[in-house]
Structure formats: C-alpha cells, structure tokens
PDB file of N, CA and C in Angstrom:
ATOM      1  N   UNK A   1     121.640 392.183 243.704  1.00  0.00           N
ATOM      2  CA  UNK A   1     120.660 393.071 244.134  1.00  0.00           C
ATOM      3  C   UNK A   1     120.429 393.618 244.953  1.00  0.00           C
ATOM      4  N   UNK A   2     120.343 394.995 244.920  1.00  0.00           N
ATOM      5  CA  UNK A   2     119.595 395.390 246.547  1.00  0.00           C
ATOM      6  C   UNK A   2     118.514 395.723 246.310  1.00  0.00           C
ATOM      7  N   UNK A   3     117.974 395.670 247.732  1.00  0.00           N
ATOM      8  CA  UNK A   3     115.884 396.041 247.132  1.00  0.00           C
ATOM      9  C   UNK A   3     115.811 396.720 249.184  1.00  0.00           C
ATOM     10  N   UNK A   4     115.189 397.784 249.383  1.00  0.00           N
ATOM     11  CA  UNK A   4     115.073 398.184 250.371  1.00  0.00           C
ATOM     12  C   UNK A   4     113.508 397.226 251.068  1.00  0.00           C
ATOM     13  N   UNK A   5     113.362 397.201 252.247  1.00  0.00           N
ATOM     14  CA  UNK A   5     112.286 396.379 252.095  1.00  0.00           C
ATOM     15  C   UNK A   5     112.193 397.021 254.169  1.00  0.00           C
ATOM     16  N   UNK A   6     110.907 397.575 254.354  1.00  0.00           N
ATOM     17  CA  UNK A   6     110.476 397.880 255.402  1.00  0.00           C
ATOM     18  C   UNK A   6     111.823 398.873 255.982  1.00  0.00           C
ATOM     19  N   UNK A   7     112.338 399.676 255.312  1.00  0.00           N
ATOM     20  CA  UNK A   7     113.978 400.779 256.140  1.00  0.00           C
ATOM     21  C   UNK A   7     115.033 399.840 255.796  1.00  0.00           C
ATOM     22  N   UNK A   8     115.214 398.296 255.397  1.00  0.00           N
ATOM     23  CA  UNK A   8     115.936 397.348 255.412  1.00  0.00           C
ATOM     24  C   UNK A   8     117.147 397.574 254.021  1.00  0.00           C
ATOM     25  N   UNK A   9     118.154 397.445 254.095  1.00  0.00           N
ATOM     26  CA  UNK A   9     118.538 397.326 253.042  1.00  0.00           C
ATOM     27  C   UNK A   9     119.233 395.970 252.925  1.00  0.00           C
ATOM     28  N   UNK A  10     118.647 395.276 252.029  1.00  0.00           N
ATOM     29  CA  UNK A  10     119.139 393.797 251.755  1.00  0.00           C
ATOM     30  C   UNK A  10     119.828 393.569 250.181  1.00  0.00           C
ATOM     31  N   UNK A  11     121.110 392.699 250.078  1.00  0.00           N
ATOM     32  CA  UNK A  11     121.943 393.010 248.951  1.00  0.00           C
ATOM     33  C   UNK A  11     122.429 391.670 248.905  1.00  0.00           C
ATOM     34  N   UNK A  12     122.004 391.340 247.699  1.00  0.00           N
ATOM     35  CA  UNK A  12     122.987 389.818 247.726  1.00  0.00           C
ATOM     36  C   UNK A  12     124.532 389.816 247.744  1.00  0.00           C
ATOM     37  N   UNK A  13     125.383 391.043 247.082  1.00  0.00           N
ATOM     38  CA  UNK A  13     126.698 391.265 247.344  1.00  0.00           C
ATOM     39  C   UNK A  13     127.135 391.443 248.952  1.00  0.00           C
ATOM     40  N   UNK A  14     126.299 391.683 249.818  1.00  0.00           N
ATOM     41  CA  UNK A  14     127.391 391.427 251.203  1.00  0.00           C
ATOM     42  C   UNK A  14     126.795 390.522 252.012  1.00  0.00           C
ATOM     43  N   UNK A  15     125.536 389.472 251.142  1.00  0.00           N
ATOM     44  CA  UNK A  15     124.819 388.555 252.271  1.00  0.00           C
ATOM     45  C   UNK A  15     126.160 387.318 251.982  1.00  0.00           C
ATOM     46  N   UNK A  16     125.609 386.553 253.219  1.00  0.00           N
ATOM     47  CA  UNK A  16     125.971 385.152 253.170  1.00  0.00           C
ATOM     48  C   UNK A  16     124.655 384.180 252.191  1.00  0.00           C
ATOM     49  N   UNK A  17     125.914 383.646 250.662  1.00  0.00           N
ATOM     50  CA  UNK A  17     124.700 382.994 250.443  1.00  0.00           C
ATOM     51  C   UNK A  17     125.018 381.924 250.763  1.00  0.00           C
ATOM     52  N   UNK A  18     123.879 380.710 250.905  1.00  0.00           N
ATOM     53  CA  UNK A  18     123.512 379.344 251.925  1.00  0.00           C
ATOM     54  C   UNK A  18     123.623 378.340 250.557  1.00  0.00           C
ATOM     55  N   UNK A  19     122.651 378.533 249.578  1.00  0.00           N
ATOM     56  CA  UNK A  19     122.728 377.259 248.682  1.00  0.00           C
ATOM     57  C   UNK A  19     121.455 377.710 247.580  1.00  0.00           C
ATOM     58  N   UNK A  20     120.993 377.500 246.299  1.00  0.00           N
ATOM     59  CA  UNK A  20     120.452 377.250 245.644  1.00  0.00           C
ATOM     60  C   UNK A  20     120.172 376.784 244.827  1.00  0.00           C
ATOM     61  N   UNK A  21     119.308 377.259 243.653  1.00  0.00           N
ATOM     62  CA  UNK A  21     118.526 375.616 242.875  1.00  0.00           C
ATOM     63  C   UNK A  21     118.177 376.023 241.797  1.00  0.00           C
ATOM     64  N   UNK A  22     117.947 375.840 240.882  1.00  0.00           N
ATOM     65  CA  UNK A  22     117.238 375.907 239.665  1.00  0.00           C
ATOM     66  C   UNK A  22     117.399 374.922 238.375  1.00  0.00           C
ATOM     67  N   UNK A  23     116.551 375.349 237.555  1.00  0.00           N
ATOM     68  CA  UNK A  23     116.755 375.154 236.398  1.00  0.00           C
ATOM     69  C   UNK A  23     117.497 375.393 234.802  1.00  0.00           C
ATOM     70  N   UNK A  24     118.683 374.714 234.689  1.00  0.00           N
ATOM     71  CA  UNK A  24     118.734 374.634 233.003  1.00  0.00           C
ATOM     72  C   UNK A  24     119.921 376.155 232.964  1.00  0.00           C
ATOM     73  N   UNK A  25     120.492 376.867 232.075  1.00  0.00           N
ATOM     74  CA  UNK A  25     121.495 378.032 231.819  1.00  0.00           C
ATOM     75  C   UNK A  25     120.856 378.962 231.715  1.00  0.00           C
ATOM     76  N   UNK A  26     121.267 379.937 232.045  1.00  0.00           N
ATOM     77  CA  UNK A  26     120.847 381.714 231.488  1.00  0.00           C
ATOM     78  C   UNK A  26     120.785 381.576 230.076  1.00  0.00           C
ATOM     79  N   UNK A  27     121.172 380.771 228.869  1.00  0.00           N
ATOM     80  CA  UNK A  27     120.647 381.137 227.350  1.00  0.00           C
ATOM     81  C   UNK A  27     119.525 380.195 227.406  1.00  0.00           C
ATOM     82  N   UNK A  28     118.209 379.843 228.359  1.00  0.00           N
ATOM     83  CA  UNK A  28     117.557 379.270 227.901  1.00  0.00           C
ATOM     84  C   UNK A  28     116.379 379.677 228.625  1.00  0.00           C
ATOM     85  N   UNK A  29     115.412 380.180 227.286  1.00  0.00           N
ATOM     86  CA  UNK A  29     114.260 380.599 228.241  1.00  0.00           C
ATOM     87  C   UNK A  29     113.772 380.388 229.215  1.00  0.00           C
ATOM     88  N   UNK A  30     113.720 379.582 229.160  1.00  0.00           N
ATOM     89  CA  UNK A  30     112.905 378.708 230.534  1.00  0.00           C
ATOM     90  C   UNK A  30     113.843 378.405 232.200  1.00  0.00           C
ATOM     91  N   UNK A  31     115.171 379.221 231.943  1.00  0.00           N
ATOM     92  CA  UNK A  31     116.040 379.627 232.695  1.00  0.00           C
ATOM     93  C   UNK A  31     115.289 379.941 234.448  1.00  0.00           C
ATOM     94  N   UNK A  32     115.160 379.112 235.431  1.00  0.00           N
ATOM     95  CA  UNK A  32     114.918 379.824 236.757  1.00  0.00           C
ATOM     96  C   UNK A  32     116.260 379.249 237.955  1.00  0.00           C
ATOM     97  N   UNK A  33     116.576 380.410 238.699  1.00  0.00           N
ATOM     98  CA  UNK A  33     117.605 380.025 240.177  1.00  0.00           C
ATOM     99  C   UNK A  33     116.986 380.922 240.858  1.00  0.00           C
ATOM    100  N   UNK A  34     116.734 380.465 242.352  1.00  0.00           N
ATOM    101  CA  UNK A  34     116.408 380.389 243.577  1.00  0.00           C
ATOM    102  C   UNK A  34     117.302 380.675 244.113  1.00  0.00           C
ATOM    103  N   UNK A  35     118.176 381.699 244.523  1.00  0.00           N
ATOM    104  CA  UNK A  35     119.477 381.380 245.946  1.00  0.00           C
ATOM    105  C   UNK A  35     119.042 382.023 247.646  1.00  0.00           C
ATOM    106  N   UNK A  36     118.898 381.436 248.545  1.00  0.00           N
ATOM    107  CA  UNK A  36     118.939 381.550 249.417  1.00  0.00           C
ATOM    108  C   UNK A  36     120.113 382.143 250.108  1.00  0.00           C
ATOM    109  N   UNK A  37     119.732 383.243 250.616  1.00  0.00           N
ATOM    110  CA  UNK A  37     121.148 383.758 251.705  1.00  0.00           C
ATOM    111  C   UNK A  37     120.781 384.281 253.140  1.00  0.00           C
ATOM    112  N   UNK A  38     121.333 384.901 253.862  1.00  0.00           N
ATOM    113  CA  UNK A  38     121.729 385.311 255.243  1.00  0.00           C
ATOM    114  C   UNK A  38     122.718 386.591 255.845  1.00  0.00           C
ATOM    115  N   UNK A  39     121.651 387.509 256.054  1.00  0.00           N
ATOM    116  CA  UNK A  39     122.103 388.693 256.577  1.00  0.00           C
ATOM    117  C   UNK A  39     123.247 388.754 257.527  1.00  0.00           C
ATOM    118  N   UNK A  40     124.350 389.629 258.244  1.00  0.00           N
ATOM    119  CA  UNK A  40     125.004 389.668 258.914  1.00  0.00           C
ATOM    120  C   UNK A  40     124.191 389.435 259.993  1.00  0.00           C
ATOM    121  N   UNK A  41     122.618 390.033 260.552  1.00  0.00           N
ATOM    122  CA  UNK A  41     121.684 390.041 261.284  1.00  0.00           C
ATOM    123  C   UNK A  41     121.001 388.488 261.415  1.00  0.00           C
ATOM    124  N   UNK A  42     121.313 387.806 260.815  1.00  0.00           N
ATOM    125  CA  UNK A  42     120.641 386.907 260.679  1.00  0.00           C
ATOM    126  C   UNK A  42     119.584 386.404 260.152  1.00  0.00           C
ATOM    127  N   UNK A  43     119.106 387.468 258.964  1.00  0.00           N
ATOM    128  CA  UNK A  43     117.796 387.556 258.021  1.00  0.00           C
ATOM    129  C   UNK A  43     117.725 386.593 257.475  1.00  0.00           C
ATOM    130  N   UNK A  44     117.047 385.902 257.337  1.00  0.00           N
ATOM    131  CA  UNK A  44     116.997 384.896 255.469  1.00  0.00           C
ATOM    132  C   UNK A  44     116.330 385.639 254.369  1.00  0.00           C
ATOM    133  N   UNK A  45     116.906 385.761 253.063  1.00  0.00           N
ATOM    134  CA  UNK A  45     116.144 386.090 251.981  1.00  0.00           C
ATOM    135  C   UNK A  45     116.153 385.122 250.745  1.00  0.00           C
ATOM    136  N   UNK A  46     115.755 385.310 249.890  1.00  0.00           N
ATOM    137  CA  UNK A  46     115.034 384.569 248.363  1.00  0.00           C
ATOM    138  C   UNK A  46     115.731 385.683 247.454  1.00  0.00           C
ATOM    139  N   UNK A  47     116.543 385.250 246.631  1.00  0.00           N
ATOM    140  CA  UNK A  47     116.829 386.017 245.423  1.00  0.00           C
ATOM    141  C   UNK A  47     116.790 385.055 244.480  1.00  0.00           C
ATOM    142  N   UNK A  48     115.544 385.594 243.456  1.00  0.00           N
ATOM    143  CA  UNK A  48     115.341 385.178 242.491  1.00  0.00           C
ATOM    144  C   UNK A  48     115.041 385.484 241.158  1.00  0.00           C
ATOM    145  N   UNK A  49     115.260 384.346 240.446  1.00  0.00           N
ATOM    146  CA  UNK A  49     115.886 385.179 238.653  1.00  0.00           C
ATOM    147  C   UNK A  49     115.622 383.995 237.642  1.00  0.00           C
ATOM    148  N   UNK A  50     115.118 384.800 236.522  1.00  0.00           N
ATOM    149  CA  UNK A  50     114.655 383.768 235.011  1.00  0.00           C
ATOM    150  C   UNK A  50     114.471 384.797 234.057  1.00  0.00           C
ATOM    151  N   UNK A  51     114.402 383.263 233.111  1.00  0.00           N
ATOM    152  CA  UNK A  51     114.163 383.938 231.707  1.00  0.00           C
ATOM    153  C   UNK A  51     112.428 384.198 231.388  1.00  0.00           C
ATOM    154  N   UNK A  52     112.045 384.681 230.614  1.00  0.00           N
ATOM    155  CA  UNK A  52     111.195 385.235 229.746  1.00  0.00           C
ATOM    156  C   UNK A  52     110.314 384.213 229.813  1.00  0.00           C
ATOM    157  N   UNK A  53     110.348 383.062 229.770  1.00  0.00           N
ATOM    158  CA  UNK A  53     109.169 381.455 230.233  1.00  0.00           C
ATOM    159  C   UNK A  53     109.157 381.056 231.652  1.00  0.00           C
ATOM    160  N   UNK A  54     110.213 381.831 232.620  1.00  0.00           N
ATOM    161  CA  UNK A  54     110.285 381.217 233.659  1.00  0.00           C
ATOM    162  C   UNK A  54     108.591 382.259 234.529  1.00  0.00           C
ATOM    163  N   UNK A  55     108.857 382.172 235.774  1.00  0.00           N
ATOM    164  CA  UNK A  55     108.006 382.794 236.675  1.00  0.00           C
ATOM    165  C   UNK A  55     108.143 383.968 237.084  1.00  0.00           C
ATOM    166  N   UNK A  56     109.487 384.369 236.910  1.00  0.00           N
ATOM    167  CA  UNK A  56     110.273 385.738 237.102  1.00  0.00           C
ATOM    168  C   UNK A  56     109.560 386.457 235.499  1.00  0.00           C
ATOM    169  N   UNK A  57     109.271 385.987 234.469  1.00  0.00           N
ATOM    170  CA  UNK A  57     108.814 386.977 233.730  1.00  0.00           C
ATOM    171  C   UNK A  57     108.318 387.975 233.863  1.00  0.00           C
ATOM    172  N   UNK A  58     108.688 388.711 232.952  1.00  0.00           N
ATOM    173  CA  UNK A  58     107.532 390.192 233.030  1.00  0.00           C
ATOM    174  C   UNK A  58     107.275 390.657 231.579  1.00  0.00           C
ATOM    175  N   UNK A  59     106.089 390.861 231.649  1.00  0.00           N
ATOM    176  CA  UNK A  59     105.307 391.260 230.152  1.00  0.00           C
ATOM    177  C   UNK A  59     105.939 392.597 230.407  1.00  0.00           C
ATOM    178  N   UNK A  60     106.243 393.208 229.173  1.00  0.00           N
ATOM    179  CA  UNK A  60     106.750 394.659 228.682  1.00  0.00           C
ATOM    180  C   UNK A  60     106.270 394.973 227.634  1.00  0.00           C
ATOM    181  N   UNK A  61     105.382 394.855 226.662  1.00  0.00           N
ATOM    182  CA  UNK A  61     103.899 395.241 226.138  1.00  0.00           C
ATOM    183  C   UNK A  61     104.107 394.368 225.025  1.00  0.00           C
ATOM    184  N   UNK A  62     103.354 394.715 224.466  1.00  0.00           N
ATOM    185  CA  UNK A  62     103.254 394.225 222.396  1.00  0.00           C
ATOM    186  C   UNK A  62     103.098 392.631 223.143  1.00  0.00           C
ATOM    187  N   UNK A  63     102.356 392.174 223.800  1.00  0.00           N
ATOM    188  CA  UNK A  63     102.670 390.251 223.797  1.00  0.00           C
ATOM    189  C   UNK A  63     103.925 389.877 223.579  1.00  0.00           C
ATOM    190  N   UNK A  64     104.961 390.872 224.374  1.00  0.00           N
ATOM    191  CA  UNK A  64     106.141 390.689 224.753  1.00  0.00           C
ATOM    192  C   UNK A  64     106.692 390.578 226.342  1.00  0.00           C
ATOM    193  N   UNK A  65     107.485 389.426 226.508  1.00  0.00           N
ATOM    194  CA  UNK A  65     107.881 389.107 227.796  1.00  0.00           C
ATOM    195  C   UNK A  65     109.835 389.243 228.084  1.00  0.00           C
ATOM    196  N   UNK A  66     109.995 389.689 229.456  1.00  0.00           N
ATOM    197  CA  UNK A  66     111.476 389.562 229.438  1.00  0.00           C
ATOM    198  C   UNK A  66     111.912 388.436 230.824  1.00  0.00           C
ATOM    199  N   UNK A  67     113.058 388.403 231.143  1.00  0.00           N
ATOM    200  CA  UNK A  67     113.405 387.667 232.118  1.00  0.00           C
ATOM    201  C   UNK A  67     113.345 388.845 233.321  1.00  0.00           C
ATOM    202  N   UNK A  68     113.271 388.408 234.599  1.00  0.00           N
ATOM    203  CA  UNK A  68     114.101 389.189 235.731  1.00  0.00           C
ATOM    204  C   UNK A  68     114.079 388.822 236.680  1.00  0.00           C
ATOM    205  N   UNK A  69     114.294 389.855 238.002  1.00  0.00           N
ATOM    206  CA  UNK A  69     114.715 389.333 238.949  1.00  0.00           C
ATOM    207  C   UNK A  69     114.138 389.668 240.192  1.00  0.00           C
ATOM    208  N   UNK A  70     113.580 388.940 241.577  1.00  0.00           N
ATOM    209  CA  UNK A  70     113.144 389.507 242.759  1.00  0.00           C
ATOM    210  C   UNK A  70     113.472 389.773 244.251  1.00  0.00           C
ATOM    211  N   UNK A  71     113.653 389.625 245.031  1.00  0.00           N
ATOM    212  CA  UNK A  71     114.158 389.807 246.219  1.00  0.00           C
ATOM    213  C   UNK A  71     112.995 389.334 246.950  1.00  0.00           C
ATOM    214  N   UNK A  72     112.714 389.153 248.197  1.00  0.00           N
ATOM    215  CA  UNK A  72     111.993 389.044 249.368  1.00  0.00           C
ATOM    216  C   UNK A  72     112.562 388.220 250.774  1.00  0.00           C
ATOM    217  N   UNK A  73     112.088 388.376 252.058  1.00  0.00           N
ATOM    218  CA  UNK A  73     112.164 387.711 253.211  1.00  0.00           C
ATOM    219  C   UNK A  73     111.693 386.754 253.137  1.00  0.00           C
ATOM    220  N   UNK A  74     111.825 386.131 253.933  1.00  0.00           N
ATOM    221  CA  UNK A  74     111.564 384.421 254.233  1.00  0.00           C
ATOM    222  C   UNK A  74     111.978 384.329 256.136  1.00  0.00           C
ATOM    223  N   UNK A  75     110.839 383.920 256.823  1.00  0.00           N
ATOM    224  CA  UNK A  75     111.426 382.942 258.121  1.00  0.00           C
ATOM    225  C   UNK A  75     112.342 381.908 258.065  1.00  0.00           C
ATOM    226  N   UNK A  76     113.118 381.792 259.163  1.00  0.00           N
ATOM    227  CA  UNK A  76     113.646 380.485 259.637  1.00  0.00           C
ATOM    228  C   UNK A  76     112.930 379.460 259.377  1.00  0.00           C
ATOM    229  N   UNK A  77     111.790 379.090 259.343  1.00  0.00           N
ATOM    230  CA  UNK A  77     111.108 377.529 258.720  1.00  0.00           C
ATOM    231  C   UNK A  77     111.074 377.788 257.487  1.00  0.00           C
ATOM    232  N   UNK A  78     110.678 378.363 256.638  1.00  0.00           N
ATOM    233  CA  UNK A  78     110.671 378.366 254.942  1.00  0.00           C
ATOM    234  C   UNK A  78     112.305 378.296 254.412  1.00  0.00           C
ATOM    235  N   UNK A  79     113.538 378.932 255.130  1.00  0.00           N
ATOM    236  CA  UNK A  79     114.864 378.979 255.110  1.00  0.00           C
ATOM    237  C   UNK A  79     115.757 377.549 254.893  1.00  0.00           C
ATOM    238  N   UNK A  80     114.674 376.966 256.427  1.00  0.00           N
ATOM    239  CA  UNK A  80     115.057 375.529 256.700  1.00  0.00           C
ATOM    240  C   UNK A  80     114.575 374.841 255.827  1.00  0.00           C
ATOM    241  N   UNK A  81     113.653 374.680 255.357  1.00  0.00           N
ATOM    242  CA  UNK A  81     113.171 373.870 254.257  1.00  0.00           C
ATOM    243  C   UNK A  81     113.916 373.917 253.035  1.00  0.00           C
ATOM    244  N   UNK A  82     113.555 375.082 252.829  1.00  0.00           N
ATOM    245  CA  UNK A  82     114.711 375.403 251.391  1.00  0.00           C
ATOM    246  C   UNK A  82     115.622 374.920 251.211  1.00  0.00           C
ATOM    247  N   UNK A  83     116.624 374.982 252.652  1.00  0.00           N
ATOM    248  CA  UNK A  83     118.103 374.658 252.517  1.00  0.00           C
ATOM    249  C   UNK A  83     117.931 372.970 252.347  1.00  0.00           C
ATOM    250  N   UNK A  84     117.090 371.965 252.798  1.00  0.00           N
ATOM    251  CA  UNK A  84     116.866 371.208 253.088  1.00  0.00           C
ATOM    252  C   UNK A  84     116.220 370.423 251.777  1.00  0.00           C
ATOM    253  N   UNK A  85     116.028 371.340 251.301  1.00  0.00           N
ATOM    254  CA  UNK A  85     116.476 370.629 249.779  1.00  0.00           C
ATOM    255  C   UNK A  85     117.096 370.681 248.488  1.00  0.00           C
ATOM    256  N   UNK A  86     117.904 371.960 248.975  1.00  0.00           N
ATOM    257  CA  UNK A  86     118.703 371.825 247.821  1.00  0.00           C
ATOM    258  C   UNK A  86     120.029 371.237 248.118  1.00  0.00           C
ATOM    259  N   UNK A  87     120.137 371.751 250.011  1.00  0.00           N
ATOM    260  CA  UNK A  87     121.980 371.466 250.230  1.00  0.00           C
ATOM    261  C   UNK A  87     121.873 370.357 251.720  1.00  0.00           C
ATOM    262  N   UNK A  88     121.881 369.182 251.695  1.00  0.00           N
ATOM    263  CA  UNK A  88     121.625 368.667 252.639  1.00  0.00           C
ATOM    264  C   UNK A  88     122.330 369.154 253.518  1.00  0.00           C
ATOM    265  N   UNK A  89     123.814 368.867 253.233  1.00  0.00           N
ATOM    266  CA  UNK A  89     125.511 369.120 254.779  1.00  0.00           C
ATOM    267  C   UNK A  89     125.224 370.034 255.372  1.00  0.00           C
ATOM    268  N   UNK A  90     125.199 371.429 254.366  1.00  0.00           N
ATOM    269  CA  UNK A  90     124.551 373.197 254.533  1.00  0.00           C
ATOM    270  C   UNK A  90     123.320 372.825 255.359  1.00  0.00           C
ATOM    271  N   UNK A  91     122.255 372.249 255.632  1.00  0.00           N
ATOM    272  CA  UNK A  91     120.845 372.129 256.240  1.00  0.00           C
ATOM    273  C   UNK A  91     121.307 371.217 257.343  1.00  0.00           C
ATOM    274  N   UNK A  92     122.583 370.633 257.499  1.00  0.00           N
ATOM    275  CA  UNK A  92     122.756 369.569 258.562  1.00  0.00           C
ATOM    276  C   UNK A  92     123.468 370.941 259.558  1.00  0.00           C
ATOM    277  N   UNK A  93     124.567 371.892 258.703  1.00  0.00           N
ATOM    278  CA  UNK A  93     125.335 372.762 259.540  1.00  0.00           C
ATOM    279  C   UNK A  93     124.597 373.771 259.626  1.00  0.00           C
ATOM    280  N   UNK A  94     123.172 374.301 258.962  1.00  0.00           N
ATOM    281  CA  UNK A  94     123.036 375.306 259.984  1.00  0.00           C
ATOM    282  C   UNK A  94     121.283 375.353 260.712  1.00  0.00           C
ATOM    283  N   UNK A  95     121.373 374.093 260.634  1.00  0.00           N
ATOM    284  CA  UNK A  95     119.559 373.584 261.676  1.00  0.00           C
ATOM    285  C   UNK A  95     119.603 372.196 262.109  1.00  0.00           C
ATOM    286  N   UNK A  96     120.842 371.837 263.001  1.00  0.00           N
ATOM    287  CA  UNK A  96     121.014 370.774 263.581  1.00  0.00           C
ATOM    288  C   UNK A  96     119.947 370.437 263.948  1.00  0.00           C
ATOM    289  N   UNK A  97     119.814 371.186 264.995  1.00  0.00           N
ATOM    290  CA  UNK A  97     118.654 370.712 265.947  1.00  0.00           C
ATOM    291  C   UNK A  97     117.243 370.937 265.754  1.00  0.00           C
ATOM    292  N   UNK A  98     117.174 371.124 264.151  1.00  0.00           N
ATOM    293  CA  UNK A  98     115.627 370.521 263.522  1.00  0.00           C
ATOM    294  C   UNK A  98     115.804 369.635 262.815  1.00  0.00           C
ATOM    295  N   UNK A  99     116.915 368.834 262.605  1.00  0.00           N
ATOM    296  CA  UNK A  99     116.911 367.446 262.196  1.00  0.00           C
ATOM    297  C   UNK A  99     117.328 366.261 262.392  1.00  0.00           C
ATOM    298  N   UNK A 100     116.614 365.494 262.804  1.00  0.00           N
ATOM    299  CA  UNK A 100     116.548 363.690 262.920  1.00  0.00           C
ATOM    300  C   UNK A 100     116.919 362.977 262.138  1.00  0.00           C
ATOM    301  N   UNK A 101     118.086 361.967 262.563  1.00  0.00           N
ATOM    302  CA  UNK A 101     118.021 360.915 261.862  1.00  0.00           C
ATOM    303  C   UNK A 101     117.037 359.840 261.999  1.00  0.00           C
ATOM    304  N   UNK A 102     116.820 359.702 260.736  1.00  0.00           N
ATOM    305  CA  UNK A 102     116.191 358.380 260.771  1.00  0.00           C
ATOM    306  C   UNK A 102     115.507 357.252 261.221  1.00  0.00           C
TER     307      UNK A 102
END
C-alpha cells in the first residue's frame, strides 16, 4: 500500500517490515493484521488490514460492510511499544537502550 501524508510517500513495498500482530486468516471476516514498518529515513508507520467484521471494516451501503486497509505514521515510543508486544527479539535488536533486564 502507498499513501501520501504531509507531502511524503509511505510505501509498504519499499519500507522495512519490523513485525506484525493479528488474528486469524484472510478467510475469516474477523481477520485483522497490524504491521510495523520503518522507512529508509527512519520514520515508523503502521499498516493495518482487516475483514468486514474487524476494526478496519468500511460501510459500503445497504447495511453492507467490506474489509479495508489503513496506513498511519507513529512515533518512536509507540513503535517501540508495539514491537515489544509482538517480537521481543526484534525489540531487543532495535531498542536496546530502552529495555532493561528485570
């Protein structure tokens, strides 16, 4: 997916995928997947996709819904928190100064 935000293009094809989290598979109407990406310039963004019963559902008329996708920019702190929740090894690799041993 490509999206222009504030005059800058964000592209899931050219950015680096960091990690993702989701529920079920594309055949399930409740399916959803959120993926964290980082651009070559170091900006983090999320790409979310889901089925017609997910948080990404769009109304298309006549009481009908369809799945869709979204793309939005997030800050370093939200990127770190998302990464820590879905891929501990990747979080330790990308954010070593922000994580302490318990």
